N, C-alpha and C. Protein backbone atom coordinates (compact mmCIF):
# COMPACT_ATOMS: atom_id res chain seq x y z
N MET A 1 51.29 26.38 123.25
CA MET A 1 52.53 26.99 122.86
C MET A 1 52.29 28.12 121.86
N GLY A 2 51.38 27.93 120.95
CA GLY A 2 51.09 28.98 119.99
C GLY A 2 50.55 30.23 120.65
N ASN A 3 49.75 30.06 121.69
CA ASN A 3 49.18 31.19 122.40
C ASN A 3 50.27 32.01 123.09
N HIS A 4 51.27 31.32 123.67
CA HIS A 4 52.37 32.00 124.35
C HIS A 4 53.18 32.84 123.36
N ARG A 5 53.42 32.25 122.19
CA ARG A 5 54.21 32.93 121.18
C ARG A 5 53.48 34.16 120.64
N SER A 6 52.18 34.10 120.53
CA SER A 6 51.43 35.24 120.01
C SER A 6 51.47 36.42 120.97
N ARG A 7 51.61 36.14 122.25
CA ARG A 7 51.72 37.24 123.22
C ARG A 7 53.12 37.84 123.22
N THR A 8 54.14 37.03 122.96
CA THR A 8 55.53 37.48 122.99
C THR A 8 55.84 38.38 121.80
N VAL A 9 55.39 38.04 120.63
CA VAL A 9 55.68 38.81 119.43
C VAL A 9 55.17 40.25 119.56
N PRO A 10 53.92 40.49 119.97
CA PRO A 10 53.48 41.87 120.12
C PRO A 10 54.30 42.64 121.17
N ALA A 11 54.71 41.95 122.23
CA ALA A 11 55.51 42.62 123.26
C ALA A 11 56.86 43.04 122.70
N ILE A 12 57.47 42.17 121.91
CA ILE A 12 58.77 42.49 121.30
C ILE A 12 58.62 43.64 120.32
N LEU A 13 57.56 43.60 119.52
CA LEU A 13 57.32 44.68 118.57
C LEU A 13 57.07 46.01 119.28
N ALA A 14 56.31 45.97 120.35
CA ALA A 14 56.02 47.20 121.10
C ALA A 14 57.30 47.76 121.71
N SER A 15 58.17 46.90 122.23
CA SER A 15 59.44 47.34 122.81
C SER A 15 60.32 47.98 121.75
N GLY A 16 60.37 47.33 120.59
CA GLY A 16 61.18 47.88 119.49
C GLY A 16 60.66 49.22 119.03
N LEU A 17 59.35 49.35 118.95
CA LEU A 17 58.74 50.61 118.54
C LEU A 17 59.04 51.72 119.54
N ALA A 18 58.93 51.39 120.84
CA ALA A 18 59.21 52.37 121.88
C ALA A 18 60.66 52.83 121.83
N LEU A 19 61.59 51.90 121.65
CA LEU A 19 63.01 52.26 121.55
C LEU A 19 63.27 53.11 120.32
N GLY A 20 62.63 52.77 119.24
CA GLY A 20 62.79 53.55 118.02
C GLY A 20 62.30 54.97 118.20
N MET A 21 61.20 55.14 118.91
CA MET A 21 60.65 56.48 119.14
C MET A 21 61.56 57.29 120.06
N LEU A 22 62.13 56.63 121.07
CA LEU A 22 63.01 57.34 122.00
C LEU A 22 64.31 57.78 121.36
N SER A 23 64.81 57.02 120.40
CA SER A 23 66.08 57.38 119.77
C SER A 23 65.97 58.68 118.99
N GLY A 24 64.78 59.10 118.68
CA GLY A 24 64.60 60.34 117.93
C GLY A 24 64.39 61.55 118.82
N CYS A 25 64.40 61.37 120.14
CA CYS A 25 64.19 62.51 121.05
C CYS A 25 65.42 63.39 121.08
N PRO A 26 65.24 64.69 121.05
CA PRO A 26 66.39 65.59 121.10
C PRO A 26 66.99 65.63 122.51
N THR A 27 68.27 65.91 122.58
CA THR A 27 68.95 66.07 123.86
C THR A 27 68.84 67.52 124.27
N VAL A 28 68.51 67.74 125.53
CA VAL A 28 68.37 69.09 126.04
C VAL A 28 69.64 69.46 126.80
N ASP A 29 70.28 70.56 126.43
CA ASP A 29 71.48 71.03 127.12
C ASP A 29 71.04 71.91 128.28
N LEU A 30 71.32 71.46 129.50
CA LEU A 30 70.94 72.22 130.69
C LEU A 30 72.02 73.21 131.10
N GLY A 31 73.11 73.27 130.37
CA GLY A 31 74.20 74.19 130.70
C GLY A 31 75.11 73.60 131.76
N ASP A 32 76.01 74.44 132.23
CA ASP A 32 76.97 74.01 133.25
C ASP A 32 76.30 73.88 134.60
N THR A 33 76.82 72.98 135.41
CA THR A 33 76.33 72.83 136.77
C THR A 33 76.73 74.07 137.55
N PRO A 34 75.79 74.70 138.26
CA PRO A 34 76.14 75.90 139.03
C PRO A 34 77.21 75.58 140.07
N SER A 35 78.15 76.51 140.27
CA SER A 35 79.24 76.26 141.20
C SER A 35 78.78 76.31 142.65
N ASP A 36 77.63 76.91 142.92
CA ASP A 36 77.19 77.04 144.31
C ASP A 36 76.16 75.98 144.70
N ILE A 37 75.99 74.95 143.87
CA ILE A 37 75.01 73.94 144.19
C ILE A 37 75.38 73.23 145.49
N GLY A 38 74.43 73.10 146.37
CA GLY A 38 74.67 72.43 147.64
C GLY A 38 75.31 73.29 148.71
N LEU A 39 75.65 74.53 148.38
CA LEU A 39 76.27 75.40 149.38
C LEU A 39 75.20 76.10 150.20
N CYS A 40 75.53 76.34 151.43
CA CYS A 40 74.62 77.04 152.33
C CYS A 40 74.54 78.51 151.93
N ASN A 41 73.36 79.03 151.86
CA ASN A 41 73.14 80.44 151.55
C ASN A 41 72.21 80.99 152.62
N PRO A 42 72.76 81.51 153.73
CA PRO A 42 71.92 82.00 154.82
C PRO A 42 70.94 83.07 154.35
N PRO A 43 69.81 83.19 155.03
CA PRO A 43 68.80 84.20 154.64
C PRO A 43 69.38 85.61 154.51
N GLY A 44 70.36 85.93 155.33
CA GLY A 44 70.98 87.26 155.25
C GLY A 44 71.81 87.44 154.00
N GLY A 45 72.22 86.32 153.40
CA GLY A 45 72.95 86.33 152.14
C GLY A 45 74.24 87.12 152.15
N GLN A 46 74.64 87.49 150.94
CA GLN A 46 75.90 88.20 150.74
C GLN A 46 75.89 89.59 151.36
N GLN A 47 74.75 90.24 151.37
CA GLN A 47 74.70 91.59 151.93
C GLN A 47 75.01 91.59 153.42
N TYR A 48 74.46 90.65 154.17
CA TYR A 48 74.75 90.53 155.60
C TYR A 48 76.22 90.16 155.80
N PHE A 49 76.72 89.29 154.93
CA PHE A 49 78.13 88.93 154.98
C PHE A 49 78.99 90.18 154.85
N GLN A 50 78.67 91.00 153.89
CA GLN A 50 79.46 92.21 153.63
C GLN A 50 79.32 93.22 154.76
N ASP A 51 78.10 93.42 155.25
CA ASP A 51 77.84 94.46 156.24
C ASP A 51 78.20 94.06 157.67
N LYS A 52 78.06 92.79 158.00
CA LYS A 52 78.24 92.36 159.40
C LYS A 52 79.35 91.32 159.58
N ILE A 53 79.28 90.23 158.83
CA ILE A 53 80.23 89.13 159.02
C ILE A 53 81.66 89.57 158.72
N TRP A 54 81.84 90.23 157.60
CA TRP A 54 83.19 90.66 157.22
C TRP A 54 83.81 91.59 158.26
N PRO A 55 83.17 92.70 158.60
CA PRO A 55 83.83 93.62 159.54
C PRO A 55 83.82 93.19 161.00
N GLU A 56 82.85 92.40 161.42
CA GLU A 56 82.74 92.07 162.84
C GLU A 56 83.19 90.64 163.18
N PHE A 57 83.41 89.82 162.17
CA PHE A 57 83.74 88.43 162.43
C PHE A 57 85.04 88.04 161.71
N ILE A 58 85.12 88.31 160.42
CA ILE A 58 86.28 87.88 159.64
C ILE A 58 87.41 88.91 159.67
N ARG A 59 87.13 90.12 159.35
CA ARG A 59 88.16 91.18 159.29
C ARG A 59 87.89 92.16 160.42
N HIS A 60 87.85 91.64 161.60
CA HIS A 60 87.52 92.40 162.81
C HIS A 60 88.49 93.57 163.00
N GLY A 61 87.97 94.69 163.48
CA GLY A 61 88.79 95.87 163.75
C GLY A 61 89.80 95.65 164.87
N ASP A 62 89.49 94.76 165.80
CA ASP A 62 90.40 94.41 166.89
C ASP A 62 91.47 93.49 166.32
N ALA A 63 92.72 93.91 166.38
CA ALA A 63 93.82 93.17 165.78
C ALA A 63 94.02 91.79 166.40
N THR A 64 93.39 91.50 167.53
CA THR A 64 93.56 90.19 168.15
C THR A 64 92.46 89.22 167.75
N LYS A 65 91.46 89.70 167.01
CA LYS A 65 90.34 88.86 166.59
C LYS A 65 90.22 88.86 165.08
N GLY A 66 89.46 87.92 164.58
CA GLY A 66 89.20 87.86 163.15
C GLY A 66 90.06 86.84 162.45
N CYS A 67 89.57 86.37 161.33
CA CYS A 67 90.22 85.30 160.58
C CYS A 67 91.40 85.80 159.75
N THR A 68 91.51 87.09 159.57
CA THR A 68 92.60 87.66 158.76
C THR A 68 93.34 88.70 159.60
N LYS A 69 93.79 88.30 160.79
CA LYS A 69 94.43 89.22 161.73
C LYS A 69 95.62 89.95 161.13
N THR A 70 96.38 89.28 160.31
CA THR A 70 97.55 89.91 159.70
C THR A 70 97.54 89.63 158.21
N THR A 71 98.32 90.40 157.47
CA THR A 71 98.36 90.20 156.02
C THR A 71 99.09 88.91 155.65
N SER A 72 99.77 88.29 156.60
CA SER A 72 100.46 87.03 156.30
C SER A 72 99.80 85.86 157.00
N GLY A 73 98.61 86.05 157.56
CA GLY A 73 97.92 85.00 158.29
C GLY A 73 97.44 83.87 157.40
N CYS A 74 96.99 82.80 158.04
CA CYS A 74 96.56 81.60 157.31
C CYS A 74 95.44 81.86 156.31
N HIS A 75 94.53 82.72 156.64
CA HIS A 75 93.37 82.95 155.77
C HIS A 75 93.51 84.18 154.90
N SER A 76 94.71 84.71 154.83
CA SER A 76 94.97 85.84 153.96
C SER A 76 95.43 85.33 152.61
N GLU A 77 95.57 86.22 151.66
CA GLU A 77 96.07 85.81 150.35
C GLU A 77 97.49 85.28 150.47
N ALA A 78 98.31 85.87 151.35
CA ALA A 78 99.68 85.40 151.54
C ALA A 78 99.69 84.00 152.14
N GLY A 79 98.72 83.70 153.02
CA GLY A 79 98.64 82.39 153.63
C GLY A 79 98.08 81.34 152.69
N GLY A 80 97.50 81.76 151.59
CA GLY A 80 97.01 80.85 150.58
C GLY A 80 95.70 80.16 150.91
N ASN A 81 94.98 80.65 151.90
CA ASN A 81 93.76 79.96 152.29
C ASN A 81 92.51 80.74 151.93
N THR A 82 92.44 81.22 150.74
CA THR A 82 91.24 81.61 150.02
C THR A 82 90.61 82.97 150.22
N LEU A 83 90.82 83.71 151.26
CA LEU A 83 90.14 84.99 151.38
C LEU A 83 90.94 86.11 150.73
N SER A 84 90.23 87.01 150.09
CA SER A 84 90.87 88.12 149.40
C SER A 84 90.49 89.42 150.10
N PHE A 85 91.49 90.13 150.63
CA PHE A 85 91.17 91.40 151.27
C PHE A 85 92.17 92.49 150.95
N LYS A 86 93.20 92.18 150.18
CA LYS A 86 94.19 93.19 149.84
C LYS A 86 93.70 94.12 148.74
N THR A 87 92.90 93.59 147.84
CA THR A 87 92.43 94.40 146.72
C THR A 87 91.36 95.37 147.20
N MET A 88 91.38 96.54 146.64
CA MET A 88 90.36 97.53 146.96
C MET A 88 89.61 97.87 145.68
N PRO A 89 88.33 97.82 145.68
CA PRO A 89 87.51 97.43 146.82
C PRO A 89 87.60 95.93 147.05
N VAL A 90 87.26 95.52 148.26
CA VAL A 90 87.28 94.10 148.63
C VAL A 90 86.30 93.34 147.73
N ASP A 91 86.69 92.18 147.27
CA ASP A 91 85.84 91.35 146.43
C ASP A 91 84.91 90.52 147.33
N PHE A 92 83.82 91.13 147.76
CA PHE A 92 82.90 90.47 148.69
C PHE A 92 82.22 89.25 148.09
N ALA A 93 81.93 89.29 146.80
CA ALA A 93 81.29 88.13 146.15
C ALA A 93 82.22 86.92 146.22
N PHE A 94 83.50 87.13 145.95
CA PHE A 94 84.48 86.04 146.02
C PHE A 94 84.60 85.53 147.45
N ASN A 95 84.75 86.44 148.39
CA ASN A 95 84.93 86.04 149.79
C ASN A 95 83.68 85.35 150.35
N TYR A 96 82.51 85.82 149.96
CA TYR A 96 81.27 85.17 150.39
C TYR A 96 81.23 83.74 149.89
N ARG A 97 81.56 83.54 148.63
CA ARG A 97 81.56 82.20 148.02
C ARG A 97 82.55 81.29 148.76
N GLN A 98 83.68 81.83 149.12
CA GLN A 98 84.68 81.03 149.82
C GLN A 98 84.21 80.62 151.21
N THR A 99 83.47 81.46 151.89
CA THR A 99 83.02 81.13 153.25
C THR A 99 81.83 80.18 153.23
N GLN A 100 81.06 80.15 152.16
CA GLN A 100 79.89 79.27 152.08
C GLN A 100 80.26 77.81 152.29
N ILE A 101 81.46 77.44 151.93
CA ILE A 101 81.94 76.07 152.09
C ILE A 101 81.93 75.66 153.56
N TYR A 102 82.11 76.63 154.45
CA TYR A 102 82.26 76.37 155.88
C TYR A 102 81.00 76.66 156.68
N LEU A 103 79.86 76.74 155.99
CA LEU A 103 78.59 77.01 156.66
C LEU A 103 77.73 75.77 156.70
N ASN A 104 76.89 75.68 157.72
CA ASN A 104 75.93 74.59 157.85
C ASN A 104 74.57 75.26 158.09
N CYS A 105 73.76 75.35 157.03
CA CYS A 105 72.48 76.05 157.15
C CYS A 105 71.50 75.31 158.05
N GLY A 106 71.58 73.99 158.11
CA GLY A 106 70.67 73.21 158.95
C GLY A 106 70.97 73.39 160.43
N THR A 107 72.23 73.54 160.77
CA THR A 107 72.66 73.71 162.15
C THR A 107 73.77 74.77 162.17
N PRO A 108 73.40 76.05 162.16
CA PRO A 108 74.42 77.11 162.11
C PRO A 108 75.50 76.98 163.17
N MET A 109 75.14 76.50 164.38
CA MET A 109 76.14 76.36 165.44
C MET A 109 77.21 75.31 165.08
N ALA A 110 76.93 74.46 164.10
CA ALA A 110 77.90 73.44 163.68
C ALA A 110 78.74 73.90 162.49
N SER A 111 78.55 75.13 162.04
CA SER A 111 79.32 75.67 160.92
C SER A 111 80.78 75.81 161.31
N GLU A 112 81.67 75.29 160.47
CA GLU A 112 83.10 75.40 160.76
C GLU A 112 83.56 76.85 160.81
N LEU A 113 82.89 77.73 160.10
CA LEU A 113 83.25 79.14 160.16
C LEU A 113 83.05 79.69 161.57
N LEU A 114 82.21 79.04 162.34
CA LEU A 114 81.99 79.42 163.74
C LEU A 114 82.77 78.51 164.69
N THR A 115 82.73 77.20 164.46
CA THR A 115 83.32 76.27 165.43
C THR A 115 84.84 76.33 165.48
N LYS A 116 85.49 76.60 164.37
CA LYS A 116 86.97 76.65 164.37
C LYS A 116 87.49 77.79 165.26
N PRO A 117 87.02 79.02 165.11
CA PRO A 117 87.56 80.09 165.96
C PRO A 117 86.91 80.18 167.35
N LEU A 118 85.88 79.37 167.61
CA LEU A 118 85.17 79.45 168.89
C LEU A 118 85.89 78.63 169.95
N SER A 119 86.18 79.26 171.05
CA SER A 119 86.94 78.66 172.15
C SER A 119 86.34 77.34 172.62
N GLY A 120 87.19 76.31 172.67
CA GLY A 120 86.82 75.03 173.23
C GLY A 120 85.89 74.17 172.40
N VAL A 121 85.66 74.51 171.14
CA VAL A 121 84.70 73.74 170.34
C VAL A 121 85.41 72.84 169.33
N ASP A 122 86.24 73.40 168.49
CA ASP A 122 86.87 72.67 167.40
C ASP A 122 88.33 73.13 167.32
N PRO A 123 89.30 72.23 167.41
CA PRO A 123 90.70 72.66 167.36
C PRO A 123 90.98 73.52 166.13
N HIS A 124 91.74 74.59 166.34
CA HIS A 124 91.99 75.56 165.29
C HIS A 124 93.45 76.00 165.39
N GLY A 125 94.19 75.78 164.34
CA GLY A 125 95.60 76.15 164.34
C GLY A 125 95.84 77.63 164.56
N GLY A 126 94.86 78.44 164.27
CA GLY A 126 95.01 79.88 164.44
C GLY A 126 94.57 80.37 165.81
N ALA A 127 94.39 79.47 166.74
CA ALA A 127 93.98 79.78 168.11
C ALA A 127 92.50 80.14 168.18
N ASP A 128 92.01 80.22 169.41
CA ASP A 128 90.61 80.60 169.64
C ASP A 128 90.48 82.11 169.49
N LEU A 129 89.47 82.52 168.75
CA LEU A 129 89.26 83.95 168.51
C LEU A 129 88.04 84.48 169.25
N PHE A 130 87.10 83.60 169.57
CA PHE A 130 85.86 84.01 170.21
C PHE A 130 85.55 83.09 171.38
N ASN A 131 84.97 83.64 172.42
CA ASN A 131 84.43 82.86 173.51
C ASN A 131 82.94 82.67 173.25
N PRO A 132 82.32 81.64 173.82
CA PRO A 132 80.90 81.40 173.56
C PRO A 132 79.99 82.62 173.76
N GLY A 133 80.26 83.51 174.68
CA GLY A 133 79.40 84.66 174.91
C GLY A 133 79.79 85.91 174.12
N ASP A 134 80.79 85.81 173.28
CA ASP A 134 81.29 86.95 172.52
C ASP A 134 80.22 87.48 171.57
N PRO A 135 80.12 88.80 171.43
CA PRO A 135 79.13 89.39 170.50
C PRO A 135 79.30 88.90 169.06
N GLY A 136 80.51 88.54 168.65
CA GLY A 136 80.74 88.04 167.30
C GLY A 136 79.98 86.77 167.02
N VAL A 137 79.78 85.94 168.04
CA VAL A 137 79.03 84.70 167.88
C VAL A 137 77.58 85.03 167.52
N GLN A 138 77.00 86.00 168.20
CA GLN A 138 75.61 86.38 167.91
C GLN A 138 75.48 87.01 166.53
N VAL A 139 76.48 87.80 166.15
CA VAL A 139 76.48 88.37 164.79
C VAL A 139 76.44 87.24 163.77
N PHE A 140 77.23 86.21 163.99
CA PHE A 140 77.24 85.06 163.10
C PHE A 140 75.88 84.38 163.06
N LEU A 141 75.31 84.09 164.23
CA LEU A 141 74.03 83.38 164.28
C LEU A 141 72.88 84.20 163.69
N ASP A 142 72.94 85.52 163.81
CA ASP A 142 71.90 86.38 163.24
C ASP A 142 71.88 86.31 161.71
N TRP A 143 72.96 85.92 161.12
CA TRP A 143 73.05 85.76 159.67
C TRP A 143 72.04 84.73 159.16
N PHE A 144 71.66 83.79 160.00
CA PHE A 144 70.79 82.67 159.62
C PHE A 144 69.31 82.93 159.95
N LYS A 145 69.00 84.09 160.46
CA LYS A 145 67.60 84.40 160.81
C LYS A 145 66.84 84.96 159.64
């Protein structure tokens, strides 16, 4: 019994010493959690978004295509669904951040930004905007190369 007790006392003392040493460690402030953590950032990044995705996919020149077909559409500022295009110049950084939520970097074809407007893939209240062979689909997929 004495042998068992002699082993326990040093263990308790060592534990107490370790806890005492840890209580004196300073806390490191890592700052705020970045707002884009976990968001998909395609290799083409914001520049490709601005140069290709915005004019050819989101704010398409053809009035029958694009996510912001009218100034009162679902994805316009009036529709309340996050994209900003009324202000000049267009706030591409804001719009890029808003679209990142709907991207899937692991499987670009599964990105809601593509599947929602793509005919026959994912139901979309704003109707189908692209057919599978549409050039806009390839513009979107090239963003991930």
